[in-house]
Amino acid sequence: MSEFVKAIEASTLSPGRGMELSLAGKAVALFNVGGAFHAIANTCIHRGGPLGQGFVEGQVVTCPWHAWQYDVTTGENVVNRTVKVASYPVKVEDGQVLVKVE
């Protein structure tokens, strides 16, 4: 059974930004959307681009390699919602962002 693990201090990731992390051996992209944190797999399905380095607009991240777009709240591709990357539960406790990487 997986547990929530500390990712970052919430104050280190500004709204409208994303970052790459390695948590429990998995590549994770963490995003701050208007103060709410969301985590998805960091690897774009198309060609493996790093989603945590992508451009974030609202709740959509654009892969920096070939412009595939994903909803960071669900991991779904915005063009074809049946295509998706893993999405991980996130919570904030005592100023720390915790992610449950399953």
PDB file of N, CA and C in Angstrom:
ATOM      1  N   MET A   1       0.847  -1.186   0.000  1.00  0.00           N
ATOM      2  CA  MET A   1       0.000   0.000   0.000  1.00  0.00           C
ATOM      3  C   MET A   1       0.885   1.240   0.000  1.00  0.00           C
ATOM      4  N   SER A   2       0.640   2.160  -0.907  1.00  0.00           N
ATOM      5  CA  SER A   2       1.449   3.363  -0.975  1.00  0.00           C
ATOM      6  C   SER A   2       0.920   4.410  -0.004  1.00  0.00           C
ATOM      7  N   GLU A   3       1.821   5.294   0.380  1.00  0.00           N
ATOM      8  CA  GLU A   3       1.482   6.354   1.314  1.00  0.00           C
ATOM      9  C   GLU A   3       1.846   7.691   0.703  1.00  0.00           C
ATOM     10  N   PHE A   4       1.320   8.755   1.277  1.00  0.00           N
ATOM     11  CA  PHE A   4       1.706  10.089   0.850  1.00  0.00           C
ATOM     12  C   PHE A   4       3.157  10.335   1.257  1.00  0.00           C
ATOM     13  N   VAL A   5       3.927  10.929   0.341  1.00  0.00           N
ATOM     14  CA  VAL A   5       5.314  11.274   0.619  1.00  0.00           C
ATOM     15  C   VAL A   5       5.494  12.770   0.412  1.00  0.00           C
ATOM     16  N   LYS A   6       6.397  13.362   1.192  1.00  0.00           N
ATOM     17  CA  LYS A   6       6.667  14.786   1.074  1.00  0.00           C
ATOM     18  C   LYS A   6       7.305  15.067  -0.282  1.00  0.00           C
ATOM     19  N   ALA A   7       6.742  16.055  -0.977  1.00  0.00           N
ATOM     20  CA  ALA A   7       7.275  16.451  -2.266  1.00  0.00           C
ATOM     21  C   ALA A   7       8.092  17.741  -2.120  1.00  0.00           C
ATOM     22  N   ILE A   8       7.429  18.811  -1.693  1.00  0.00           N
ATOM     23  CA  ILE A   8       8.073  20.119  -1.559  1.00  0.00           C
ATOM     24  C   ILE A   8       7.365  20.924  -0.476  1.00  0.00           C
ATOM     25  N   GLU A   9       7.955  22.069  -0.125  1.00  0.00           N
ATOM     26  CA  GLU A   9       7.245  23.056   0.667  1.00  0.00           C
ATOM     27  C   GLU A   9       6.339  23.808  -0.294  1.00  0.00           C
ATOM     28  N   ALA A  10       5.101  24.013   0.093  1.00  0.00           N
ATOM     29  CA  ALA A  10       4.119  24.637  -0.804  1.00  0.00           C
ATOM     30  C   ALA A  10       4.579  26.000  -1.308  1.00  0.00           C
ATOM     31  N   SER A  11       5.304  26.727  -0.508  1.00  0.00           N
ATOM     32  CA  SER A  11       5.732  28.079  -0.884  1.00  0.00           C
ATOM     33  C   SER A  11       6.781  28.094  -2.001  1.00  0.00           C
ATOM     34  N   THR A  12       7.359  26.949  -2.334  1.00  0.00           N
ATOM     35  CA  THR A  12       8.423  26.930  -3.348  1.00  0.00           C
ATOM     36  C   THR A  12       7.903  26.832  -4.782  1.00  0.00           C
ATOM     37  N   LEU A  13       6.615  26.572  -4.966  1.00  0.00           N
ATOM     38  CA  LEU A  13       6.051  26.466  -6.316  1.00  0.00           C
ATOM     39  C   LEU A  13       4.925  27.482  -6.466  1.00  0.00           C
ATOM     40  N   SER A  14       5.188  28.516  -7.256  1.00  0.00           N
ATOM     41  CA  SER A  14       4.231  29.603  -7.456  1.00  0.00           C
ATOM     42  C   SER A  14       3.054  29.154  -8.315  1.00  0.00           C
ATOM     43  N   PRO A  15       1.890  29.805  -8.147  1.00  0.00           N
ATOM     44  CA  PRO A  15       0.746  29.504  -9.009  1.00  0.00           C
ATOM     45  C   PRO A  15       1.110  29.697 -10.482  1.00  0.00           C
ATOM     46  N   GLY A  16       0.592  28.795 -11.320  1.00  0.00           N
ATOM     47  CA  GLY A  16       0.858  28.859 -12.749  1.00  0.00           C
ATOM     48  C   GLY A  16       2.179  28.235 -13.163  1.00  0.00           C
ATOM     49  N   ARG A  17       2.803  27.520 -12.243  1.00  0.00           N
ATOM     50  CA  ARG A  17       4.110  26.913 -12.512  1.00  0.00           C
ATOM     51  C   ARG A  17       4.052  25.405 -12.303  1.00  0.00           C
ATOM     52  N   GLY A  18       5.027  24.729 -12.885  1.00  0.00           N
ATOM     53  CA  GLY A  18       5.182  23.294 -12.706  1.00  0.00           C
ATOM     54  C   GLY A  18       6.633  22.965 -12.430  1.00  0.00           C
ATOM     55  N   MET A  19       6.861  21.744 -11.975  1.00  0.00           N
ATOM     56  CA  MET A  19       8.224  21.297 -11.722  1.00  0.00           C
ATOM     57  C   MET A  19       8.299  19.788 -11.818  1.00  0.00           C
ATOM     58  N   GLU A  20       9.513  19.289 -11.978  1.00  0.00           N
ATOM     59  CA  GLU A  20       9.759  17.850 -12.056  1.00  0.00           C
ATOM     60  C   GLU A  20      10.299  17.351 -10.730  1.00  0.00           C
ATOM     61  N   LEU A  21       9.848  16.168 -10.334  1.00  0.00           N
ATOM     62  CA  LEU A  21      10.305  15.533  -9.105  1.00  0.00           C
ATOM     63  C   LEU A  21      10.472  14.038  -9.330  1.00  0.00           C
ATOM     64  N   SER A  22      11.283  13.440  -8.513  1.00  0.00           N
ATOM     65  CA  SER A  22      11.348  11.983  -8.459  1.00  0.00           C
ATOM     66  C   SER A  22      10.827  11.588  -7.085  1.00  0.00           C
ATOM     67  N   LEU A  23       9.706  10.871  -7.074  1.00  0.00           N
ATOM     68  CA  LEU A  23       9.085  10.452  -5.816  1.00  0.00           C
ATOM     69  C   LEU A  23       8.851   8.955  -5.848  1.00  0.00           C
ATOM     70  N   ALA A  24       9.355   8.267  -4.860  1.00  0.00           N
ATOM     71  CA  ALA A  24       9.193   6.814  -4.755  1.00  0.00           C
ATOM     72  C   ALA A  24       9.607   6.120  -6.048  1.00  0.00           C
ATOM     73  N   GLY A  25      10.671   6.643  -6.679  1.00  0.00           N
ATOM     74  CA  GLY A  25      11.186   6.027  -7.893  1.00  0.00           C
ATOM     75  C   GLY A  25      10.428   6.352  -9.161  1.00  0.00           C
ATOM     76  N   LYS A  26       9.474   7.286  -9.088  1.00  0.00           N
ATOM     77  CA  LYS A  26       8.695   7.655 -10.268  1.00  0.00           C
ATOM     78  C   LYS A  26       8.936   9.114 -10.626  1.00  0.00           C
ATOM     79  N   ALA A  27       8.961   9.382 -11.937  1.00  0.00           N
ATOM     80  CA  ALA A  27       9.087  10.751 -12.433  1.00  0.00           C
ATOM     81  C   ALA A  27       7.712  11.412 -12.362  1.00  0.00           C
ATOM     82  N   VAL A  28       7.615  12.485 -11.593  1.00  0.00           N
ATOM     83  CA  VAL A  28       6.343  13.156 -11.335  1.00  0.00           C
ATOM     84  C   VAL A  28       6.452  14.624 -11.734  1.00  0.00           C
ATOM     85  N   ALA A  29       5.398  15.145 -12.329  1.00  0.00           N
ATOM     86  CA  ALA A  29       5.279  16.572 -12.622  1.00  0.00           C
ATOM     87  C   ALA A  29       4.264  17.141 -11.633  1.00  0.00           C
ATOM     88  N   LEU A  30       4.685  18.171 -10.900  1.00  0.00           N
ATOM     89  CA  LEU A  30       3.834  18.795  -9.891  1.00  0.00           C
ATOM     90  C   LEU A  30       3.489  20.200 -10.357  1.00  0.00           C
ATOM     91  N   PHE A  31       2.221  20.584 -10.229  1.00  0.00           N
ATOM     92  CA  PHE A  31       1.755  21.881 -10.706  1.00  0.00           C
ATOM     93  C   PHE A  31       0.970  22.602  -9.624  1.00  0.00           C
ATOM     94  N   ASN A  32       1.062  23.937  -9.647  1.00  0.00           N
ATOM     95  CA  ASN A  32       0.267  24.786  -8.776  1.00  0.00           C
ATOM     96  C   ASN A  32      -0.695  25.544  -9.673  1.00  0.00           C
ATOM     97  N   VAL A  33      -1.978  25.240  -9.541  1.00  0.00           N
ATOM     98  CA  VAL A  33      -3.021  25.896 -10.329  1.00  0.00           C
ATOM     99  C   VAL A  33      -3.861  26.730  -9.371  1.00  0.00           C
ATOM    100  N   GLY A  34      -3.576  28.018  -9.327  1.00  0.00           N
ATOM    101  CA  GLY A  34      -4.342  28.918  -8.467  1.00  0.00           C
ATOM    102  C   GLY A  34      -4.283  28.556  -6.996  1.00  0.00           C
ATOM    103  N   GLY A  35      -3.172  27.998  -6.550  1.00  0.00           N
ATOM    104  CA  GLY A  35      -3.021  27.615  -5.149  1.00  0.00           C
ATOM    105  C   GLY A  35      -3.375  26.173  -4.851  1.00  0.00           C
ATOM    106  N   ALA A  36      -3.927  25.467  -5.818  1.00  0.00           N
ATOM    107  CA  ALA A  36      -4.235  24.037  -5.671  1.00  0.00           C
ATOM    108  C   ALA A  36      -3.142  23.233  -6.382  1.00  0.00           C
ATOM    109  N   PHE A  37      -2.643  22.222  -5.727  1.00  0.00           N
ATOM    110  CA  PHE A  37      -1.551  21.423  -6.284  1.00  0.00           C
ATOM    111  C   PHE A  37      -2.079  20.148  -6.934  1.00  0.00           C
ATOM    112  N   HIS A  38      -1.456  19.784  -8.063  1.00  0.00           N
ATOM    113  CA  HIS A  38      -1.836  18.594  -8.824  1.00  0.00           C
ATOM    114  C   HIS A  38      -0.573  17.888  -9.289  1.00  0.00           C
ATOM    115  N   ALA A  39      -0.613  16.558  -9.306  1.00  0.00           N
ATOM    116  CA  ALA A  39       0.547  15.770  -9.733  1.00  0.00           C
ATOM    117  C   ALA A  39       0.134  14.759 -10.794  1.00  0.00           C
ATOM    118  N   ILE A  40       0.948  14.696 -11.849  1.00  0.00           N
ATOM    119  CA  ILE A  40       0.747  13.716 -12.917  1.00  0.00           C
ATOM    120  C   ILE A  40       2.102  13.102 -13.256  1.00  0.00           C
ATOM    121  N   ALA A  41       2.075  12.031 -14.025  1.00  0.00           N
ATOM    122  CA  ALA A  41       3.327  11.448 -14.501  1.00  0.00           C
ATOM    123  C   ALA A  41       4.060  12.495 -15.335  1.00  0.00           C
ATOM    124  N   ASN A  42       5.375  12.526 -15.227  1.00  0.00           N
ATOM    125  CA  ASN A  42       6.168  13.554 -15.885  1.00  0.00           C
ATOM    126  C   ASN A  42       6.450  13.253 -17.353  1.00  0.00           C
ATOM    127  N   THR A  43       6.097  12.088 -17.840  1.00  0.00           N
ATOM    128  CA  THR A  43       6.476  11.671 -19.187  1.00  0.00           C
ATOM    129  C   THR A  43       5.298  11.738 -20.156  1.00  0.00           C
ATOM    130  N   CYS A  44       5.430  12.576 -21.178  1.00  0.00           N
ATOM    131  CA  CYS A  44       4.399  12.698 -22.213  1.00  0.00           C
ATOM    132  C   CYS A  44       4.288  11.371 -22.967  1.00  0.00           C
ATOM    133  N   ILE A  45       3.075  10.976 -23.254  1.00  0.00           N
ATOM    134  CA  ILE A  45       2.831   9.720 -23.956  1.00  0.00           C
ATOM    135  C   ILE A  45       3.358   9.756 -25.387  1.00  0.00           C
ATOM    136  N   HIS A  46       3.364  10.920 -26.003  1.00  0.00           N
ATOM    137  CA  HIS A  46       3.750  11.031 -27.409  1.00  0.00           C
ATOM    138  C   HIS A  46       5.192  10.608 -27.666  1.00  0.00           C
ATOM    139  N   ARG A  47       6.167  11.303 -27.077  1.00  0.00           N
ATOM    140  CA  ARG A  47       7.574  11.000 -27.308  1.00  0.00           C
ATOM    141  C   ARG A  47       8.414  11.096 -26.040  1.00  0.00           C
ATOM    142  N   GLY A  48       7.752  11.092 -24.882  1.00  0.00           N
ATOM    143  CA  GLY A  48       8.485  11.061 -23.617  1.00  0.00           C
ATOM    144  C   GLY A  48       8.962  12.401 -23.108  1.00  0.00           C
ATOM    145  N   GLY A  49       8.398  13.474 -23.605  1.00  0.00           N
ATOM    146  CA  GLY A  49       8.806  14.810 -23.161  1.00  0.00           C
ATOM    147  C   GLY A  49       8.522  15.032 -21.689  1.00  0.00           C
ATOM    148  N   PRO A  50       9.290  15.927 -21.042  1.00  0.00           N
ATOM    149  CA  PRO A  50       9.148  16.209 -19.610  1.00  0.00           C
ATOM    150  C   PRO A  50       8.022  17.213 -19.332  1.00  0.00           C
ATOM    151  N   LEU A  51       6.875  16.742 -18.915  1.00  0.00           N
ATOM    152  CA  LEU A  51       5.718  17.609 -18.711  1.00  0.00           C
ATOM    153  C   LEU A  51       5.960  18.666 -17.637  1.00  0.00           C
ATOM    154  N   GLY A  52       6.782  18.360 -16.660  1.00  0.00           N
ATOM    155  CA  GLY A  52       7.089  19.329 -15.603  1.00  0.00           C
ATOM    156  C   GLY A  52       7.838  20.547 -16.105  1.00  0.00           C
ATOM    157  N   GLN A  53       8.382  20.471 -17.311  1.00  0.00           N
ATOM    158  CA  GLN A  53       9.065  21.607 -17.930  1.00  0.00           C
ATOM    159  C   GLN A  53       8.153  22.356 -18.894  1.00  0.00           C
ATOM    160  N   GLY A  54       6.916  21.890 -19.005  1.00  0.00           N
ATOM    161  CA  GLY A  54       5.992  22.464 -19.974  1.00  0.00           C
ATOM    162  C   GLY A  54       5.423  23.802 -19.568  1.00  0.00           C
ATOM    163  N   PHE A  55       4.763  24.460 -20.530  1.00  0.00           N
ATOM    164  CA  PHE A  55       4.087  25.738 -20.329  1.00  0.00           C
ATOM    165  C   PHE A  55       2.718  25.470 -19.711  1.00  0.00           C
ATOM    166  N   VAL A  56       2.412  26.156 -18.618  1.00  0.00           N
ATOM    167  CA  VAL A  56       1.139  25.954 -17.922  1.00  0.00           C
ATOM    168  C   VAL A  56       0.239  27.157 -18.161  1.00  0.00           C
ATOM    169  N   GLU A  57      -0.987  26.868 -18.620  1.00  0.00           N
ATOM    170  CA  GLU A  57      -1.993  27.906 -18.778  1.00  0.00           C
ATOM    171  C   GLU A  57      -3.288  27.378 -18.192  1.00  0.00           C
ATOM    172  N   GLY A  58      -3.739  28.008 -17.123  1.00  0.00           N
ATOM    173  CA  GLY A  58      -4.896  27.484 -16.401  1.00  0.00           C
ATOM    174  C   GLY A  58      -4.551  26.118 -15.851  1.00  0.00           C
ATOM    175  N   GLN A  59      -5.351  25.117 -16.184  1.00  0.00           N
ATOM    176  CA  GLN A  59      -5.069  23.760 -15.707  1.00  0.00           C
ATOM    177  C   GLN A  59      -4.529  22.859 -16.811  1.00  0.00           C
ATOM    178  N   VAL A  60      -4.009  23.477 -17.874  1.00  0.00           N
ATOM    179  CA  VAL A  60      -3.464  22.717 -19.002  1.00  0.00           C
ATOM    180  C   VAL A  60      -1.956  22.938 -19.097  1.00  0.00           C
ATOM    181  N   VAL A  61      -1.222  21.837 -19.221  1.00  0.00           N
ATOM    182  CA  VAL A  61       0.220  21.912 -19.461  1.00  0.00           C
ATOM    183  C   VAL A  61       0.478  21.470 -20.896  1.00  0.00           C
ATOM    184  N   THR A  62       1.377  22.191 -21.562  1.00  0.00           N
ATOM    185  CA  THR A  62       1.767  21.869 -22.928  1.00  0.00           C
ATOM    186  C   THR A  62       3.168  21.279 -22.893  1.00  0.00           C
ATOM    187  N   CYS A  63       3.309  20.074 -23.421  1.00  0.00           N
ATOM    188  CA  CYS A  63       4.610  19.412 -23.453  1.00  0.00           C
ATOM    189  C   CYS A  63       5.602  20.288 -24.229  1.00  0.00           C
ATOM    190  N   PRO A  64       6.798  20.501 -23.677  1.00  0.00           N
ATOM    191  CA  PRO A  64       7.761  21.369 -24.346  1.00  0.00           C
ATOM    192  C   PRO A  64       8.359  20.776 -25.628  1.00  0.00           C
ATOM    193  N   TRP A  65       8.189  19.490 -25.856  1.00  0.00           N
ATOM    194  CA  TRP A  65       8.791  18.877 -27.036  1.00  0.00           C
ATOM    195  C   TRP A  65       7.918  18.973 -28.276  1.00  0.00           C
ATOM    196  N   HIS A  66       6.644  18.595 -28.185  1.00  0.00           N
ATOM    197  CA  HIS A  66       5.799  18.548 -29.387  1.00  0.00           C
ATOM    198  C   HIS A  66       4.391  19.099 -29.156  1.00  0.00           C
ATOM    199  N   ALA A  67       4.230  19.849 -28.081  1.00  0.00           N
ATOM    200  CA  ALA A  67       2.992  20.596 -27.808  1.00  0.00           C
ATOM    201  C   ALA A  67       1.752  19.755 -27.517  1.00  0.00           C
ATOM    202  N   TRP A  68       1.923  18.498 -27.107  1.00  0.00           N
ATOM    203  CA  TRP A  68       0.758  17.747 -26.642  1.00  0.00           C
ATOM    204  C   TRP A  68       0.304  18.400 -25.339  1.00  0.00           C
ATOM    205  N   GLN A  69      -1.017  18.440 -25.122  1.00  0.00           N
ATOM    206  CA  GLN A  69      -1.548  19.125 -23.953  1.00  0.00           C
ATOM    207  C   GLN A  69      -2.321  18.172 -23.046  1.00  0.00           C
ATOM    208  N   TYR A  70      -2.133  18.390 -21.741  1.00  0.00           N
ATOM    209  CA  TYR A  70      -2.776  17.556 -20.731  1.00  0.00           C
ATOM    210  C   TYR A  70      -3.427  18.426 -19.665  1.00  0.00           C
ATOM    211  N   ASP A  71      -4.559  17.964 -19.176  1.00  0.00           N
ATOM    212  CA  ASP A  71      -5.220  18.587 -18.032  1.00  0.00           C
ATOM    213  C   ASP A  71      -4.481  18.098 -16.786  1.00  0.00           C
ATOM    214  N   VAL A  72      -3.866  19.009 -16.048  1.00  0.00           N
ATOM    215  CA  VAL A  72      -3.064  18.585 -14.891  1.00  0.00           C
ATOM    216  C   VAL A  72      -3.916  18.068 -13.738  1.00  0.00           C
ATOM    217  N   THR A  73      -5.222  18.347 -13.757  1.00  0.00           N
ATOM    218  CA  THR A  73      -6.087  17.864 -12.681  1.00  0.00           C
ATOM    219  C   THR A  73      -6.502  16.409 -12.865  1.00  0.00           C
ATOM    220  N   THR A  74      -6.412  15.910 -14.117  1.00  0.00           N
ATOM    221  CA  THR A  74      -6.850  14.542 -14.399  1.00  0.00           C
ATOM    222  C   THR A  74      -5.804  13.699 -15.123  1.00  0.00           C
ATOM    223  N   GLY A  75      -4.853  14.351 -15.776  1.00  0.00           N
ATOM    224  CA  GLY A  75      -3.877  13.646 -16.601  1.00  0.00           C
ATOM    225  C   GLY A  75      -4.369  13.369 -18.011  1.00  0.00           C
ATOM    226  N   GLU A  76      -5.596  13.789 -18.329  1.00  0.00           N
ATOM    227  CA  GLU A  76      -6.180  13.522 -19.647  1.00  0.00           C
ATOM    228  C   GLU A  76      -5.623  14.450 -20.714  1.00  0.00           C
ATOM    229  N   ASN A  77      -5.408  13.901 -21.909  1.00  0.00           N
ATOM    230  CA  ASN A  77      -5.025  14.687 -23.060  1.00  0.00           C
ATOM    231  C   ASN A  77      -6.219  15.558 -23.434  1.00  0.00           C
ATOM    232  N   VAL A  78      -5.995  16.835 -23.741  1.00  0.00           N
ATOM    233  CA  VAL A  78      -7.130  17.727 -23.996  1.00  0.00           C
ATOM    234  C   VAL A  78      -7.793  17.499 -25.354  1.00  0.00           C
ATOM    235  N   VAL A  79      -7.111  16.850 -26.286  1.00  0.00           N
ATOM    236  CA  VAL A  79      -7.684  16.557 -27.595  1.00  0.00           C
ATOM    237  C   VAL A  79      -8.439  15.229 -27.579  1.00  0.00           C
ATOM    238  N   ASN A  80      -7.877  14.238 -26.912  1.00  0.00           N
ATOM    239  CA  ASN A  80      -8.472  12.909 -26.842  1.00  0.00           C
ATOM    240  C   ASN A  80      -8.459  12.457 -25.378  1.00  0.00           C
ATOM    241  N   ARG A  81      -9.550  12.635 -24.693  1.00  0.00           N
ATOM    242  CA  ARG A  81      -9.631  12.374 -23.250  1.00  0.00           C
ATOM    243  C   ARG A  81      -9.431  10.895 -22.877  1.00  0.00           C
ATOM    244  N   THR A  82      -9.460  10.006 -23.863  1.00  0.00           N
ATOM    245  CA  THR A  82      -9.203   8.595 -23.553  1.00  0.00           C
ATOM    246  C   THR A  82      -7.706   8.316 -23.415  1.00  0.00           C
ATOM    247  N   VAL A  83      -6.888   9.253 -23.877  1.00  0.00           N
ATOM    248  CA  VAL A  83      -5.435   9.157 -23.737  1.00  0.00           C
ATOM    249  C   VAL A  83      -5.052   9.954 -22.500  1.00  0.00           C
ATOM    250  N   LYS A  84      -4.317   9.324 -21.577  1.00  0.00           N
ATOM    251  CA  LYS A  84      -3.968  10.052 -20.365  1.00  0.00           C
ATOM    252  C   LYS A  84      -2.689   9.528 -19.739  1.00  0.00           C
ATOM    253  N   VAL A  85      -2.080  10.389 -18.948  1.00  0.00           N
ATOM    254  CA  VAL A  85      -0.948  10.001 -18.121  1.00  0.00           C
ATOM    255  C   VAL A  85      -1.487   9.787 -16.704  1.00  0.00           C
ATOM    256  N   ALA A  86      -0.725   9.094 -15.891  1.00  0.00           N
ATOM    257  CA  ALA A  86      -1.161   8.834 -14.516  1.00  0.00           C
ATOM    258  C   ALA A  86      -1.343  10.146 -13.753  1.00  0.00           C
ATOM    259  N   SER A  87      -2.332  10.160 -12.900  1.00  0.00           N
ATOM    260  CA  SER A  87      -2.606  11.298 -12.026  1.00  0.00           C
ATOM    261  C   SER A  87      -2.509  10.795 -10.586  1.00  0.00           C
ATOM    262  N   TYR A  88      -1.893  11.596  -9.713  1.00  0.00           N
ATOM    263  CA  TYR A  88      -1.652  11.158  -8.342  1.00  0.00           C
ATOM    264  C   TYR A  88      -2.354  12.061  -7.334  1.00  0.00           C
ATOM    265  N   PRO A  89      -2.902  11.481  -6.264  1.00  0.00           N
ATOM    266  CA  PRO A  89      -3.531  12.289  -5.216  1.00  0.00           C
ATOM    267  C   PRO A  89      -2.501  13.198  -4.540  1.00  0.00           C
ATOM    268  N   VAL A  90      -2.943  14.419  -4.223  1.00  0.00           N
ATOM    269  CA  VAL A  90      -2.080  15.414  -3.584  1.00  0.00           C
ATOM    270  C   VAL A  90      -2.835  16.030  -2.418  1.00  0.00           C
ATOM    271  N   LYS A  91      -2.113  16.323  -1.344  1.00  0.00           N
ATOM    272  CA  LYS A  91      -2.693  17.081  -0.239  1.00  0.00           C
ATOM    273  C   LYS A  91      -1.611  17.991   0.335  1.00  0.00           C
ATOM    274  N   VAL A  92      -2.054  19.032   1.030  1.00  0.00           N
ATOM    275  CA  VAL A  92      -1.137  19.967   1.661  1.00  0.00           C
ATOM    276  C   VAL A  92      -1.404  19.928   3.162  1.00  0.00           C
ATOM    277  N   GLU A  93      -0.351  19.681   3.928  1.00  0.00           N
ATOM    278  CA  GLU A  93      -0.436  19.660   5.391  1.00  0.00           C
ATOM    279  C   GLU A  93       0.734  20.438   5.970  1.00  0.00           C
ATOM    280  N   ASP A  94       0.433  21.361   6.853  1.00  0.00           N
ATOM    281  CA  ASP A  94       1.468  22.148   7.530  1.00  0.00           C
ATOM    282  C   ASP A  94       2.454  22.776   6.543  1.00  0.00           C
ATOM    283  N   GLY A  95       1.941  23.276   5.423  1.00  0.00           N
ATOM    284  CA  GLY A  95       2.779  23.938   4.436  1.00  0.00           C
ATOM    285  C   GLY A  95       3.597  23.017   3.551  1.00  0.00           C
ATOM    286  N   GLN A  96       3.373  21.710   3.669  1.00  0.00           N
ATOM    287  CA  GLN A  96       4.090  20.726   2.869  1.00  0.00           C
ATOM    288  C   GLN A  96       3.146  20.098   1.854  1.00  0.00           C
ATOM    289  N   VAL A  97       3.620  19.961   0.623  1.00  0.00           N
ATOM    290  CA  VAL A  97       2.843  19.287  -0.418  1.00  0.00           C
ATOM    291  C   VAL A  97       3.214  17.798  -0.367  1.00  0.00           C
ATOM    292  N   LEU A  98       2.201  16.958  -0.214  1.00  0.00           N
ATOM    293  CA  LEU A  98       2.382  15.515  -0.133  1.00  0.00           C
ATOM    294  C   LEU A  98       1.712  14.859  -1.325  1.00  0.00           C
ATOM    295  N   VAL A  99       2.379  13.880  -1.906  1.00  0.00           N
ATOM    296  CA  VAL A  99       1.860  13.176  -3.087  1.00  0.00           C
ATOM    297  C   VAL A  99       1.815  11.686  -2.799  1.00  0.00           C
ATOM    298  N   LYS A 100       0.732  11.055  -3.199  1.00  0.00           N
ATOM    299  CA  LYS A 100       0.600   9.604  -3.072  1.00  0.00           C
ATOM    300  C   LYS A 100       0.877   8.981  -4.427  1.00  0.00           C
ATOM    301  N   VAL A 101       2.094   8.468  -4.582  1.00  0.00           N
ATOM    302  CA  VAL A 101       2.509   7.882  -5.858  1.00  0.00           C
ATOM    303  C   VAL A 101       2.217   6.389  -5.796  1.00  0.00           C
ATOM    304  N   GLU A 102       1.243   5.980  -6.594  1.00  0.00           N
ATOM    305  CA  GLU A 102       0.786   4.582  -6.542  1.00  0.00           C
ATOM    306  C   GLU A 102       1.440   3.755  -7.610  1.00  0.00           C
TER     307      GLU A 102
END
